[in-house]
Amino acid sequence: MSTPVVPGTAVSPPGYLWRWVWPESRAVAWLLASSAGLVGAAAFSVVGMLAGNDFVARVGGLLLLVAATTGVIYLVTRIEDRPWVRQGDEASTFVLRYLPIRVAPVLAALTALAIAALWIGVLERALEPMFFGIALLVAVLVLACLGIRYRRTARLCLSPHTIRVTTRNFDWEFPWEAVDFAAGFDAKGTETIAIRCPRTAVTTRPTRGKTPTHLRPPEDSPDGPWKLAPIMWGVSPNSLFSTLEHLRTDPDLRAELTHAQLTAMLTPPPWQTRRPLDIDPL
């Protein structure tokens, strides 16, 4: 079955088509769960306070915490519908920065558990849950610092002549004229874009970290593939794949690409348009 496509908007470059390659989630379930949790938590808290029941009031407080965490997860999953594109140093050069979309929900959940444990420890005057909460907060701090450190160096740069992927673990630059893209999944089931390019045409710069095995090509392969994870860059995988494919085939557009055009290509169509396309992805 052919890949379903959606025409671009008035701001998109002429001929641009948004391709439905991977299944997508609207994350409405997170919003509904968060809303229901907030209503239920508020009811528990009010009933507990009016009845003078500390246990019910505590349950309401914990539900409020869970609902807030669910809301954070919903907001994070919606980032892909609002791409953030930075202007590069040169004309028609643009940069996407690393966004910890997959890590942020984990941090939110750990933070909620830590606060709940500290709260229980204070109310019950027990040291064990307090130590547990402190340990979780330390873990959250470490993970957040690692994410910030990674974000400082991670860039996906699109210029008129090359596409460059830079992180603390690898630095690859490919000429547009020599690349080919293919959609797939990595061993963990994450959406990936495989970049095929003659090894002699690829510029590889040394980095401090070691390149993950699942992203780098086999040593004996003459043309890759190098793997690119769209989720790292805060954009819809389908949008990034569609954008790269369109730029690859249109050098004139790459030379005159505007910020508005790139943002429009990376912005997925409304869900009313996408919903009927959820058939036989890949």
C-alpha atoms as a PDB file:
ATOM      1  CA  MET A   1       0.000   0.000   0.000  1.00  0.00           C
ATOM      2  CA  SER A   2       1.303   3.468  -0.898  1.00  0.00           C
ATOM      3  CA  THR A   3       2.180   5.933   1.830  1.00  0.00           C
ATOM      4  CA  PRO A   4      -0.735   8.272   2.672  1.00  0.00           C
ATOM      5  CA  VAL A   5       0.111  11.936   2.064  1.00  0.00           C
ATOM      6  CA  VAL A   6      -1.361  15.318   2.970  1.00  0.00           C
ATOM      7  CA  PRO A   7      -0.715  18.488   0.919  1.00  0.00           C
ATOM      8  CA  GLY A   8       1.199  21.259   2.637  1.00  0.00           C
ATOM      9  CA  THR A   9      -0.237  24.552   3.798  1.00  0.00           C
ATOM     10  CA  ALA A  10      -0.062  27.938   2.089  1.00  0.00           C
ATOM     11  CA  VAL A  11       3.192  28.637   3.969  1.00  0.00           C
ATOM     12  CA  SER A  12       4.812  25.345   2.941  1.00  0.00           C
ATOM     13  CA  PRO A  13       6.981  25.261  -0.184  1.00  0.00           C
ATOM     14  CA  PRO A  14       5.163  24.370  -3.419  1.00  0.00           C
ATOM     15  CA  GLY A  15       4.832  20.635  -3.902  1.00  0.00           C
ATOM     16  CA  TYR A  16       5.478  19.710  -0.291  1.00  0.00           C
ATOM     17  CA  LEU A  17       3.639  16.578   0.886  1.00  0.00           C
ATOM     18  CA  TRP A  18       3.364  15.449   4.501  1.00  0.00           C
ATOM     19  CA  ARG A  19       3.765  11.640   4.626  1.00  0.00           C
ATOM     20  CA  TRP A  20       2.128   9.320   7.182  1.00  0.00           C
ATOM     21  CA  VAL A  21       4.865   6.724   7.738  1.00  0.00           C
ATOM     22  CA  TRP A  22       4.713   5.933  11.463  1.00  0.00           C
ATOM     23  CA  PRO A  23       1.615   5.688  13.682  1.00  0.00           C
ATOM     24  CA  GLU A  24       1.036   8.739  15.861  1.00  0.00           C
ATOM     25  CA  SER A  25      -0.681   9.323  19.195  1.00  0.00           C
ATOM     26  CA  ARG A  26      -2.779  12.370  20.005  1.00  0.00           C
ATOM     27  CA  ALA A  27      -2.207  11.827  23.751  1.00  0.00           C
ATOM     28  CA  VAL A  28      -5.836  12.700  24.463  1.00  0.00           C
ATOM     29  CA  ALA A  29      -5.897   9.876  27.016  1.00  0.00           C
ATOM     30  CA  TRP A  30      -3.326  11.787  29.106  1.00  0.00           C
ATOM     31  CA  LEU A  31      -5.488  14.921  29.006  1.00  0.00           C
ATOM     32  CA  LEU A  32      -8.647  13.044  29.995  1.00  0.00           C
ATOM     33  CA  ALA A  33      -6.838  11.201  32.780  1.00  0.00           C
ATOM     34  CA  SER A  34      -5.358  14.439  34.067  1.00  0.00           C
ATOM     35  CA  SER A  35      -8.717  16.222  34.032  1.00  0.00           C
ATOM     36  CA  ALA A  36     -10.490  13.332  35.755  1.00  0.00           C
ATOM     37  CA  GLY A  37      -7.693  13.092  38.314  1.00  0.00           C
ATOM     38  CA  LEU A  38      -7.872  16.794  39.130  1.00  0.00           C
ATOM     39  CA  VAL A  39     -11.650  16.674  39.623  1.00  0.00           C
ATOM     40  CA  GLY A  40     -11.461  13.526  41.764  1.00  0.00           C
ATOM     41  CA  ALA A  41      -8.559  14.850  43.802  1.00  0.00           C
ATOM     42  CA  ALA A  42     -10.308  18.135  44.475  1.00  0.00           C
ATOM     43  CA  ALA A  43     -13.427  16.252  45.592  1.00  0.00           C
ATOM     44  CA  PHE A  44     -11.399  14.002  47.917  1.00  0.00           C
ATOM     45  CA  SER A  45      -9.595  16.966  49.429  1.00  0.00           C
ATOM     46  CA  VAL A  46     -12.770  18.964  50.017  1.00  0.00           C
ATOM     47  CA  VAL A  47     -14.607  15.981  51.550  1.00  0.00           C
ATOM     48  CA  GLY A  48     -11.626  15.155  53.744  1.00  0.00           C
ATOM     49  CA  MET A  49     -11.288  18.686  55.042  1.00  0.00           C
ATOM     50  CA  LEU A  50     -15.023  19.106  55.682  1.00  0.00           C
ATOM     51  CA  ALA A  51     -15.228  15.754  57.476  1.00  0.00           C
ATOM     52  CA  GLY A  52     -11.998  16.301  59.357  1.00  0.00           C
ATOM     53  CA  ASN A  53     -10.640  13.021  57.944  1.00  0.00           C
ATOM     54  CA  ASP A  54      -6.881  13.294  57.508  1.00  0.00           C
ATOM     55  CA  PHE A  55      -6.646  10.060  55.513  1.00  0.00           C
ATOM     56  CA  VAL A  56      -9.130  11.211  52.867  1.00  0.00           C
ATOM     57  CA  ALA A  57      -7.421  14.602  52.658  1.00  0.00           C
ATOM     58  CA  ARG A  58      -4.052  12.900  52.103  1.00  0.00           C
ATOM     59  CA  VAL A  59      -5.479  10.698  49.362  1.00  0.00           C
ATOM     60  CA  GLY A  60      -6.831  13.795  47.681  1.00  0.00           C
ATOM     61  CA  GLY A  61      -3.432  15.452  47.851  1.00  0.00           C
ATOM     62  CA  LEU A  62      -1.729  12.426  46.305  1.00  0.00           C
ATOM     63  CA  LEU A  63      -4.332  12.332  43.531  1.00  0.00           C
ATOM     64  CA  LEU A  64      -3.657  15.992  42.828  1.00  0.00           C
ATOM     65  CA  LEU A  65       0.022  15.149  42.474  1.00  0.00           C
ATOM     66  CA  VAL A  66      -0.685  12.262  40.094  1.00  0.00           C
ATOM     67  CA  ALA A  67      -3.048  14.412  38.020  1.00  0.00           C
ATOM     68  CA  ALA A  68      -0.460  17.171  37.749  1.00  0.00           C
ATOM     69  CA  THR A  69       2.141  14.639  36.606  1.00  0.00           C
ATOM     70  CA  THR A  70      -0.240  13.320  33.964  1.00  0.00           C
ATOM     71  CA  GLY A  71      -0.808  16.860  32.763  1.00  0.00           C
ATOM     72  CA  VAL A  72       2.945  17.405  32.398  1.00  0.00           C
ATOM     73  CA  ILE A  73       3.202  14.249  30.300  1.00  0.00           C
ATOM     74  CA  TYR A  74       0.396  15.489  28.056  1.00  0.00           C
ATOM     75  CA  LEU A  75       2.097  18.854  27.536  1.00  0.00           C
ATOM     76  CA  VAL A  76       5.394  17.155  26.698  1.00  0.00           C
ATOM     77  CA  THR A  77       3.818  14.869  24.112  1.00  0.00           C
ATOM     78  CA  ARG A  78       2.249  17.917  22.435  1.00  0.00           C
ATOM     79  CA  ILE A  79       5.613  19.567  21.809  1.00  0.00           C
ATOM     80  CA  GLU A  80       5.934  17.723  18.488  1.00  0.00           C
ATOM     81  CA  ASP A  81       2.980  19.682  17.090  1.00  0.00           C
ATOM     82  CA  ARG A  82       4.781  22.981  17.770  1.00  0.00           C
ATOM     83  CA  PRO A  83       8.321  22.672  16.343  1.00  0.00           C
ATOM     84  CA  TRP A  84      10.915  25.157  17.481  1.00  0.00           C
ATOM     85  CA  VAL A  85      13.338  26.074  14.688  1.00  0.00           C
ATOM     86  CA  ARG A  86      16.365  28.278  15.247  1.00  0.00           C
ATOM     87  CA  GLN A  87      18.043  30.423  12.598  1.00  0.00           C
ATOM     88  CA  GLY A  88      21.617  29.321  11.854  1.00  0.00           C
ATOM     89  CA  ASP A  89      24.661  31.497  11.365  1.00  0.00           C
ATOM     90  CA  GLU A  90      24.339  31.481   7.574  1.00  0.00           C
ATOM     91  CA  ALA A  91      21.513  32.179   5.142  1.00  0.00           C
ATOM     92  CA  SER A  92      18.946  29.386   4.731  1.00  0.00           C
ATOM     93  CA  THR A  93      20.620  27.442   7.540  1.00  0.00           C
ATOM     94  CA  PHE A  94      18.473  26.247  10.422  1.00  0.00           C
ATOM     95  CA  VAL A  95      19.000  24.280  13.618  1.00  0.00           C
ATOM     96  CA  LEU A  96      16.889  21.936  15.708  1.00  0.00           C
ATOM     97  CA  ARG A  97      18.060  21.376  19.282  1.00  0.00           C
ATOM     98  CA  TYR A  98      17.743  18.270  21.385  1.00  0.00           C
ATOM     99  CA  LEU A  99      14.558  18.067  23.486  1.00  0.00           C
ATOM    100  CA  PRO A 100      14.199  15.321  26.129  1.00  0.00           C
ATOM    101  CA  ILE A 101      10.650  14.340  25.147  1.00  0.00           C
ATOM    102  CA  ARG A 102      11.067  10.728  26.243  1.00  0.00           C
ATOM    103  CA  VAL A 103      12.930  11.628  29.453  1.00  0.00           C
ATOM    104  CA  ALA A 104      10.656  14.424  30.683  1.00  0.00           C
ATOM    105  CA  PRO A 105       7.703  12.152  31.604  1.00  0.00           C
ATOM    106  CA  VAL A 106      10.068   9.908  33.569  1.00  0.00           C
ATOM    107  CA  LEU A 107      11.428  12.923  35.451  1.00  0.00           C
ATOM    108  CA  ALA A 108       7.882  14.124  36.171  1.00  0.00           C
ATOM    109  CA  ALA A 109       6.866  10.707  37.522  1.00  0.00           C
ATOM    110  CA  LEU A 110       9.989  10.381  39.690  1.00  0.00           C
ATOM    111  CA  THR A 111       9.495  13.888  41.044  1.00  0.00           C
ATOM    112  CA  ALA A 112       5.880  13.088  41.921  1.00  0.00           C
ATOM    113  CA  LEU A 113       6.923   9.905  43.732  1.00  0.00           C
ATOM    114  CA  ALA A 114       9.654  11.776  45.590  1.00  0.00           C
ATOM    115  CA  ILE A 115       7.269  14.498  46.769  1.00  0.00           C
ATOM    116  CA  ALA A 116       4.704  11.893  47.802  1.00  0.00           C
ATOM    117  CA  ALA A 117       7.304   9.963  49.787  1.00  0.00           C
ATOM    118  CA  LEU A 118       8.548  13.111  51.523  1.00  0.00           C
ATOM    119  CA  TRP A 119       4.990  14.158  52.273  1.00  0.00           C
ATOM    120  CA  ILE A 120       4.157  10.793  53.819  1.00  0.00           C
ATOM    121  CA  GLY A 121       7.381  10.862  55.793  1.00  0.00           C
ATOM    122  CA  VAL A 122       6.619  14.278  57.245  1.00  0.00           C
ATOM    123  CA  LEU A 123       2.993  13.461  58.072  1.00  0.00           C
ATOM    124  CA  GLU A 124       3.826  10.078  59.592  1.00  0.00           C
ATOM    125  CA  ARG A 125       7.106  11.286  61.117  1.00  0.00           C
ATOM    126  CA  ALA A 126       8.863   8.315  59.537  1.00  0.00           C
ATOM    127  CA  LEU A 127      12.444   8.396  58.275  1.00  0.00           C
ATOM    128  CA  GLU A 128      12.196   5.584  55.689  1.00  0.00           C
ATOM    129  CA  PRO A 129       9.858   7.335  53.224  1.00  0.00           C
ATOM    130  CA  MET A 130      11.783  10.576  53.684  1.00  0.00           C
ATOM    131  CA  PHE A 131      15.074   8.897  52.762  1.00  0.00           C
ATOM    132  CA  PHE A 132      13.341   7.271  49.792  1.00  0.00           C
ATOM    133  CA  GLY A 133      12.014  10.643  48.634  1.00  0.00           C
ATOM    134  CA  ILE A 134      15.426  12.274  48.969  1.00  0.00           C
ATOM    135  CA  ALA A 135      17.026   9.454  46.961  1.00  0.00           C
ATOM    136  CA  LEU A 136      14.459   9.924  44.191  1.00  0.00           C
ATOM    137  CA  LEU A 137      15.060  13.690  44.114  1.00  0.00           C
ATOM    138  CA  VAL A 138      18.798  13.069  43.762  1.00  0.00           C
ATOM    139  CA  ALA A 139      18.100  10.694  40.866  1.00  0.00           C
ATOM    140  CA  VAL A 140      15.908  13.334  39.215  1.00  0.00           C
ATOM    141  CA  LEU A 141      18.655  15.939  39.625  1.00  0.00           C
ATOM    142  CA  VAL A 142      21.270  13.639  38.075  1.00  0.00           C
ATOM    143  CA  LEU A 143      19.050  12.764  35.102  1.00  0.00           C
ATOM    144  CA  ALA A 144      18.145  16.420  34.571  1.00  0.00           C
ATOM    145  CA  CYS A 145      21.814  17.430  34.599  1.00  0.00           C
ATOM    146  CA  LEU A 146      22.643  14.713  32.067  1.00  0.00           C
ATOM    147  CA  GLY A 147      19.819  15.920  29.832  1.00  0.00           C
ATOM    148  CA  ILE A 148      20.988  19.535  30.052  1.00  0.00           C
ATOM    149  CA  ARG A 149      24.545  18.454  29.297  1.00  0.00           C
ATOM    150  CA  TYR A 150      23.397  16.542  26.219  1.00  0.00           C
ATOM    151  CA  ARG A 151      21.264  19.466  25.057  1.00  0.00           C
ATOM    152  CA  ARG A 152      24.253  21.803  25.113  1.00  0.00           C
ATOM    153  CA  THR A 153      25.904  19.986  22.190  1.00  0.00           C
ATOM    154  CA  ALA A 154      23.079  18.191  20.347  1.00  0.00           C
ATOM    155  CA  ARG A 155      22.110  19.891  17.091  1.00  0.00           C
ATOM    156  CA  LEU A 156      20.456  18.928  13.815  1.00  0.00           C
ATOM    157  CA  CYS A 157      21.610  21.497  11.285  1.00  0.00           C
ATOM    158  CA  LEU A 158      20.027  21.864   7.835  1.00  0.00           C
ATOM    159  CA  SER A 159      22.014  24.029   5.409  1.00  0.00           C
ATOM    160  CA  PRO A 160      21.766  24.476   1.622  1.00  0.00           C
ATOM    161  CA  HIS A 161      24.543  21.930   0.983  1.00  0.00           C
ATOM    162  CA  THR A 162      24.661  19.543   3.947  1.00  0.00           C
ATOM    163  CA  ILE A 163      22.745  17.991   6.800  1.00  0.00           C
ATOM    164  CA  ARG A 164      24.751  17.739  10.006  1.00  0.00           C
ATOM    165  CA  VAL A 165      23.889  15.755  13.146  1.00  0.00           C
ATOM    166  CA  THR A 166      25.916  16.667  16.236  1.00  0.00           C
ATOM    167  CA  THR A 167      25.790  15.311  19.783  1.00  0.00           C
ATOM    168  CA  ARG A 168      28.394  14.648  22.473  1.00  0.00           C
ATOM    169  CA  ASN A 169      28.608  11.084  21.107  1.00  0.00           C
ATOM    170  CA  PHE A 170      28.883  11.671  17.359  1.00  0.00           C
ATOM    171  CA  ASP A 171      29.263  14.373  14.721  1.00  0.00           C
ATOM    172  CA  TRP A 172      28.207  13.453  11.187  1.00  0.00           C
ATOM    173  CA  GLU A 173      27.802  15.682   8.134  1.00  0.00           C
ATOM    174  CA  PHE A 174      26.256  14.482   4.874  1.00  0.00           C
ATOM    175  CA  PRO A 175      26.026  16.252   1.500  1.00  0.00           C
ATOM    176  CA  TRP A 176      22.434  16.476   0.275  1.00  0.00           C
ATOM    177  CA  GLU A 177      23.395  15.289  -3.204  1.00  0.00           C
ATOM    178  CA  ALA A 178      24.675  11.950  -1.872  1.00  0.00           C
ATOM    179  CA  VAL A 179      22.079  10.981   0.748  1.00  0.00           C
ATOM    180  CA  ASP A 180      19.027   8.782   0.712  1.00  0.00           C
ATOM    181  CA  PHE A 181      16.542   8.354   3.567  1.00  0.00           C
ATOM    182  CA  ALA A 182      14.573   5.318   4.730  1.00  0.00           C
ATOM    183  CA  ALA A 183      12.039   5.065   7.551  1.00  0.00           C
ATOM    184  CA  GLY A 184      12.207   2.294  10.138  1.00  0.00           C
ATOM    185  CA  PHE A 185      12.575   1.395  13.804  1.00  0.00           C
ATOM    186  CA  ASP A 186      15.547   0.692  16.044  1.00  0.00           C
ATOM    187  CA  ALA A 187      15.882  -2.345  18.312  1.00  0.00           C
ATOM    188  CA  LYS A 188      13.865  -0.563  21.035  1.00  0.00           C
ATOM    189  CA  GLY A 189      10.970   0.229  18.718  1.00  0.00           C
ATOM    190  CA  THR A 190      11.821   3.928  18.397  1.00  0.00           C
ATOM    191  CA  GLU A 191      11.209   5.609  15.052  1.00  0.00           C
ATOM    192  CA  THR A 192      14.464   6.097  13.147  1.00  0.00           C
ATOM    193  CA  ILE A 193      15.517   7.586   9.823  1.00  0.00           C
ATOM    194  CA  ALA A 194      18.286   5.608   8.165  1.00  0.00           C
ATOM    195  CA  ILE A 195      20.697   7.790   6.196  1.00  0.00           C
ATOM    196  CA  ARG A 196      22.437   6.089   3.304  1.00  0.00           C
ATOM    197  CA  CYS A 197      25.474   7.886   1.927  1.00  0.00           C
ATOM    198  CA  PRO A 198      28.833   6.803   0.468  1.00  0.00           C
ATOM    199  CA  ARG A 199      31.245   6.643   3.381  1.00  0.00           C
ATOM    200  CA  THR A 200      33.787   8.654   1.409  1.00  0.00           C
ATOM    201  CA  ALA A 201      31.332  11.568   1.205  1.00  0.00           C
ATOM    202  CA  VAL A 202      30.566  11.670   4.935  1.00  0.00           C
ATOM    203  CA  THR A 203      32.469  14.048   7.204  1.00  0.00           C
ATOM    204  CA  THR A 204      32.946  12.480  10.661  1.00  0.00           C
ATOM    205  CA  ARG A 205      34.393  14.620  13.425  1.00  0.00           C
ATOM    206  CA  PRO A 206      35.772  13.285  16.726  1.00  0.00           C
ATOM    207  CA  THR A 207      33.668  13.647  19.878  1.00  0.00           C
ATOM    208  CA  ARG A 208      34.221  12.957  23.567  1.00  0.00           C
ATOM    209  CA  GLY A 209      31.560  10.282  23.869  1.00  0.00           C
ATOM    210  CA  LYS A 210      31.202   6.924  22.159  1.00  0.00           C
ATOM    211  CA  THR A 211      28.661   6.519  19.375  1.00  0.00           C
ATOM    212  CA  PRO A 212      25.818   4.152  20.363  1.00  0.00           C
ATOM    213  CA  THR A 213      26.026   0.861  18.489  1.00  0.00           C
ATOM    214  CA  HIS A 214      22.428   1.005  17.266  1.00  0.00           C
ATOM    215  CA  LEU A 215      23.021   4.360  15.528  1.00  0.00           C
ATOM    216  CA  ARG A 216      26.358   3.859  13.786  1.00  0.00           C
ATOM    217  CA  PRO A 217      26.772   1.779  10.597  1.00  0.00           C
ATOM    218  CA  PRO A 218      28.702  -1.504  10.382  1.00  0.00           C
ATOM    219  CA  GLU A 219      32.433  -0.990   9.974  1.00  0.00           C
ATOM    220  CA  ASP A 220      32.528  -2.839   6.645  1.00  0.00           C
ATOM    221  CA  SER A 221      29.562  -1.014   5.108  1.00  0.00           C
ATOM    222  CA  PRO A 222      30.466   1.407   2.299  1.00  0.00           C
ATOM    223  CA  ASP A 223      27.288   3.484   2.616  1.00  0.00           C
ATOM    224  CA  GLY A 224      25.875   3.228   6.149  1.00  0.00           C
ATOM    225  CA  PRO A 225      23.216   3.414   7.299  1.00  0.00           C
ATOM    226  CA  TRP A 226      23.672   6.082   9.934  1.00  0.00           C
ATOM    227  CA  LYS A 227      20.594   6.292  12.175  1.00  0.00           C
ATOM    228  CA  LEU A 228      18.753   9.477  13.113  1.00  0.00           C
ATOM    229  CA  ALA A 229      16.123   9.470  15.890  1.00  0.00           C
ATOM    230  CA  PRO A 230      13.482  12.161  15.127  1.00  0.00           C
ATOM    231  CA  ILE A 231      12.122  12.077  18.692  1.00  0.00           C
ATOM    232  CA  MET A 232      15.360  13.710  19.886  1.00  0.00           C
ATOM    233  CA  TRP A 233      14.616  16.947  18.072  1.00  0.00           C
ATOM    234  CA  GLY A 234      11.143  17.742  19.376  1.00  0.00           C
ATOM    235  CA  VAL A 235       9.364  17.209  16.060  1.00  0.00           C
ATOM    236  CA  SER A 236       6.951  14.651  14.692  1.00  0.00           C
ATOM    237  CA  PRO A 237       8.884  11.760  13.080  1.00  0.00           C
ATOM    238  CA  ASN A 238       6.558  11.875  10.067  1.00  0.00           C
ATOM    239  CA  SER A 239       7.131  15.616   9.702  1.00  0.00           C
ATOM    240  CA  LEU A 240      10.919  15.334   9.864  1.00  0.00           C
ATOM    241  CA  PHE A 241      11.012  12.459   7.378  1.00  0.00           C
ATOM    242  CA  SER A 242       8.718  14.334   4.981  1.00  0.00           C
ATOM    243  CA  THR A 243      10.793  17.496   5.303  1.00  0.00           C
ATOM    244  CA  LEU A 244      14.121  15.747   4.696  1.00  0.00           C
ATOM    245  CA  GLU A 245      12.737  13.953   1.657  1.00  0.00           C
ATOM    246  CA  HIS A 246      11.425  17.193   0.177  1.00  0.00           C
ATOM    247  CA  LEU A 247      14.651  19.124   0.799  1.00  0.00           C
ATOM    248  CA  ARG A 248      16.736  16.294  -0.637  1.00  0.00           C
ATOM    249  CA  THR A 249      15.017  16.534  -3.994  1.00  0.00           C
ATOM    250  CA  ASP A 250      14.854  20.339  -4.255  1.00  0.00           C
ATOM    251  CA  PRO A 251      18.263  22.089  -4.155  1.00  0.00           C
ATOM    252  CA  ASP A 252      16.750  25.404  -5.268  1.00  0.00           C
ATOM    253  CA  LEU A 253      14.482  25.383  -2.233  1.00  0.00           C
ATOM    254  CA  ARG A 254      17.390  24.594   0.105  1.00  0.00           C
ATOM    255  CA  ALA A 255      19.228  27.665  -1.190  1.00  0.00           C
ATOM    256  CA  GLU A 256      16.267  29.969  -0.494  1.00  0.00           C
ATOM    257  CA  LEU A 257      14.545  28.198   2.399  1.00  0.00           C
ATOM    258  CA  THR A 258      12.911  30.480   4.954  1.00  0.00           C
ATOM    259  CA  HIS A 259      12.235  29.980   8.643  1.00  0.00           C
ATOM    260  CA  ALA A 260       8.480  30.072   8.030  1.00  0.00           C
ATOM    261  CA  GLN A 261       8.674  27.424   5.294  1.00  0.00           C
ATOM    262  CA  LEU A 262      10.715  24.998   7.387  1.00  0.00           C
ATOM    263  CA  THR A 263       8.475  25.480  10.411  1.00  0.00           C
ATOM    264  CA  ALA A 264       5.403  24.837   8.264  1.00  0.00           C
ATOM    265  CA  MET A 265       6.895  21.604   6.890  1.00  0.00           C
ATOM    266  CA  LEU A 266       7.805  20.365  10.362  1.00  0.00           C
ATOM    267  CA  THR A 267       4.333  21.138  11.736  1.00  0.00           C
ATOM    268  CA  PRO A 268       2.016  18.131  11.279  1.00  0.00           C
ATOM    269  CA  PRO A 269      -1.486  18.587   9.836  1.00  0.00           C
ATOM    270  CA  PRO A 270      -4.452  18.933  12.225  1.00  0.00           C
ATOM    271  CA  TRP A 271      -5.667  15.738  13.853  1.00  0.00           C
ATOM    272  CA  GLN A 272      -8.912  15.930  11.911  1.00  0.00           C
ATOM    273  CA  THR A 273      -6.779  15.400   8.796  1.00  0.00           C
ATOM    274  CA  ARG A 274      -4.394  12.838  10.259  1.00  0.00           C
ATOM    275  CA  ARG A 275      -6.944  10.553  11.914  1.00  0.00           C
ATOM    276  CA  PRO A 276      -8.182   8.845   8.686  1.00  0.00           C
ATOM    277  CA  LEU A 277      -4.565   8.101   7.660  1.00  0.00           C
ATOM    278  CA  ASP A 278      -3.877   5.686  10.525  1.00  0.00           C
ATOM    279  CA  ILE A 279      -3.804   2.618   8.269  1.00  0.00           C
ATOM    280  CA  ASP A 280      -0.996   0.152   7.630  1.00  0.00           C
ATOM    281  CA  PRO A 281       1.983   2.403   8.579  1.00  0.00           C
ATOM    282  CA  LEU A 282       5.337   1.432   7.063  1.00  0.00           C
END
